[in-house]
Protein backbone atom coordinates (compact mmCIF):
# COMPACT_ATOMS: atom_id res chain seq x y z
CA MET A 1 -120.77 -151.05 -162.77
CA ASN A 2 -122.44 -151.37 -165.48
CA LYS A 3 -120.43 -150.55 -168.77
CA ASP A 4 -122.40 -149.79 -172.11
CA PRO A 5 -121.00 -152.19 -174.69
CA LEU A 6 -122.10 -149.29 -177.28
CA ARG A 7 -120.00 -146.98 -175.90
CA LEU A 8 -116.94 -149.73 -175.66
CA ASN A 9 -117.19 -150.01 -179.38
CA VAL A 10 -117.35 -146.58 -180.21
CA LEU A 11 -114.12 -145.87 -178.12
CA ALA A 12 -112.45 -148.89 -179.82
CA ALA A 13 -113.36 -147.53 -182.89
CA GLY A 14 -111.98 -144.58 -182.31
CA ALA A 15 -108.59 -145.72 -181.17
CA LEU A 16 -108.73 -147.87 -184.65
CA ALA A 17 -109.71 -144.75 -186.29
CA VAL A 18 -106.86 -142.94 -185.12
CA ALA A 19 -104.19 -145.92 -185.83
CA VAL A 20 -104.95 -146.07 -188.90
CA LEU A 21 -104.86 -142.69 -189.68
CA SER A 22 -101.89 -142.41 -188.12
CA SER A 23 -100.54 -145.14 -189.93
CA ALA A 24 -101.48 -143.83 -192.84
CA LEU A 25 -99.58 -140.31 -192.09
CA ALA A 26 -96.84 -142.14 -191.57
CA VAL A 27 -96.68 -144.15 -194.68
CA VAL A 28 -97.03 -140.51 -196.14
CA TRP A 29 -94.07 -139.15 -194.64
CA SER A 30 -91.70 -141.90 -195.13
CA THR A 31 -92.80 -142.34 -198.77
CA HIS A 32 -91.90 -138.63 -199.25
CA GLU A 33 -88.70 -139.05 -197.30
CA SER A 34 -87.78 -141.72 -199.78
CA ARG A 35 -88.30 -139.90 -202.45
CA LEU A 36 -86.38 -136.99 -201.55
CA LEU A 37 -83.27 -139.47 -200.60
CA PHE A 38 -83.28 -140.96 -204.33
CA VAL A 39 -83.37 -137.82 -205.56
CA GLU A 40 -80.36 -137.11 -203.58
CA LEU A 41 -78.88 -140.45 -204.57
CA GLN A 42 -79.17 -139.56 -207.93
CA GLY A 43 -77.28 -136.07 -207.94
CA LEU A 44 -74.77 -137.81 -206.38
CA GLU A 45 -74.24 -140.91 -208.44
CA GLN A 46 -73.96 -137.56 -211.18
CA GLU A 47 -71.57 -135.65 -209.39
CA ARG A 48 -69.18 -138.97 -208.75
CA ASP A 49 -69.71 -139.71 -212.76
CA GLU A 50 -68.65 -136.19 -213.54
CA LEU A 51 -65.58 -136.83 -211.01
CA ASN A 52 -64.51 -139.82 -212.54
CA VAL A 53 -64.38 -138.42 -215.28
CA ASP A 54 -62.25 -135.80 -214.46
CA TRP A 55 -60.32 -137.67 -212.71
CA GLY A 56 -59.35 -139.74 -216.27
CA ARG A 57 -58.60 -136.63 -217.89
CA LEU A 58 -55.99 -135.36 -214.69
CA GLN A 59 -54.21 -139.06 -215.56
CA LEU A 60 -54.06 -138.53 -219.24
CA GLU A 61 -52.63 -135.21 -218.84
CA GLN A 62 -50.29 -136.55 -216.14
CA SER A 63 -49.20 -139.21 -218.61
CA ALA A 64 -48.59 -136.64 -221.14
CA TRP A 65 -46.24 -134.18 -219.07
CA ALA A 66 -44.41 -136.67 -217.84
CA THR A 67 -42.99 -138.72 -220.37
CA LYS A 68 -39.92 -138.96 -221.17
CA ALA A 69 -39.25 -137.38 -224.14
CA ARG A 70 -40.28 -134.36 -222.81
CA ILE A 71 -38.18 -134.47 -219.61
CA GLU A 72 -35.23 -134.87 -221.45
CA ARG A 73 -36.33 -131.86 -223.75
CA LEU A 74 -36.79 -130.33 -220.63
CA ALA A 75 -33.69 -130.86 -219.04
CA ARG A 76 -32.09 -129.59 -222.46
CA GLU A 77 -33.80 -126.37 -223.13
CA GLU A 78 -34.64 -125.27 -219.74
CA LEU A 79 -31.91 -126.62 -217.35
CA GLU A 80 -29.21 -127.07 -219.79
CA MET A 81 -28.42 -129.94 -218.86
CA LYS A 82 -26.31 -132.57 -221.76
CA ARG A 83 -25.18 -136.25 -221.38
CA PRO A 84 -21.68 -136.59 -220.34
CA ARG A 85 -19.10 -137.67 -222.15
CA ASP A 86 -17.26 -141.18 -221.67
CA PRO A 87 -14.29 -139.56 -220.21
CA GLU A 88 -16.32 -137.36 -217.73
CA MET A 89 -18.41 -140.65 -216.75
CA VAL A 90 -17.01 -143.01 -213.33
CA LEU A 91 -18.71 -146.38 -212.68
CA VAL A 92 -19.40 -147.04 -209.15
CA LYS A 93 -19.79 -150.76 -208.46
CA PRO A 94 -21.16 -152.29 -205.24
């Protein structure tokens, strides 16, 4: 069987062209996916930053609501609690 070298070269060149084209398309697809993921990452980082700001505000609000002076005032005004006098106090020792 006599194989034509020109025919083999054309087939090899065709296979090489398909491989190069496939590789180029893979690079384009990979770059596109990378950009989409980067945009998603930036959005998630922005959301994280906003949540951190909200968390800081909530911590400040909680510390304001839990001050000793406020709790004592609420106990006196809303619950009508009062500090016991000395004769009403009983000390328990361990």
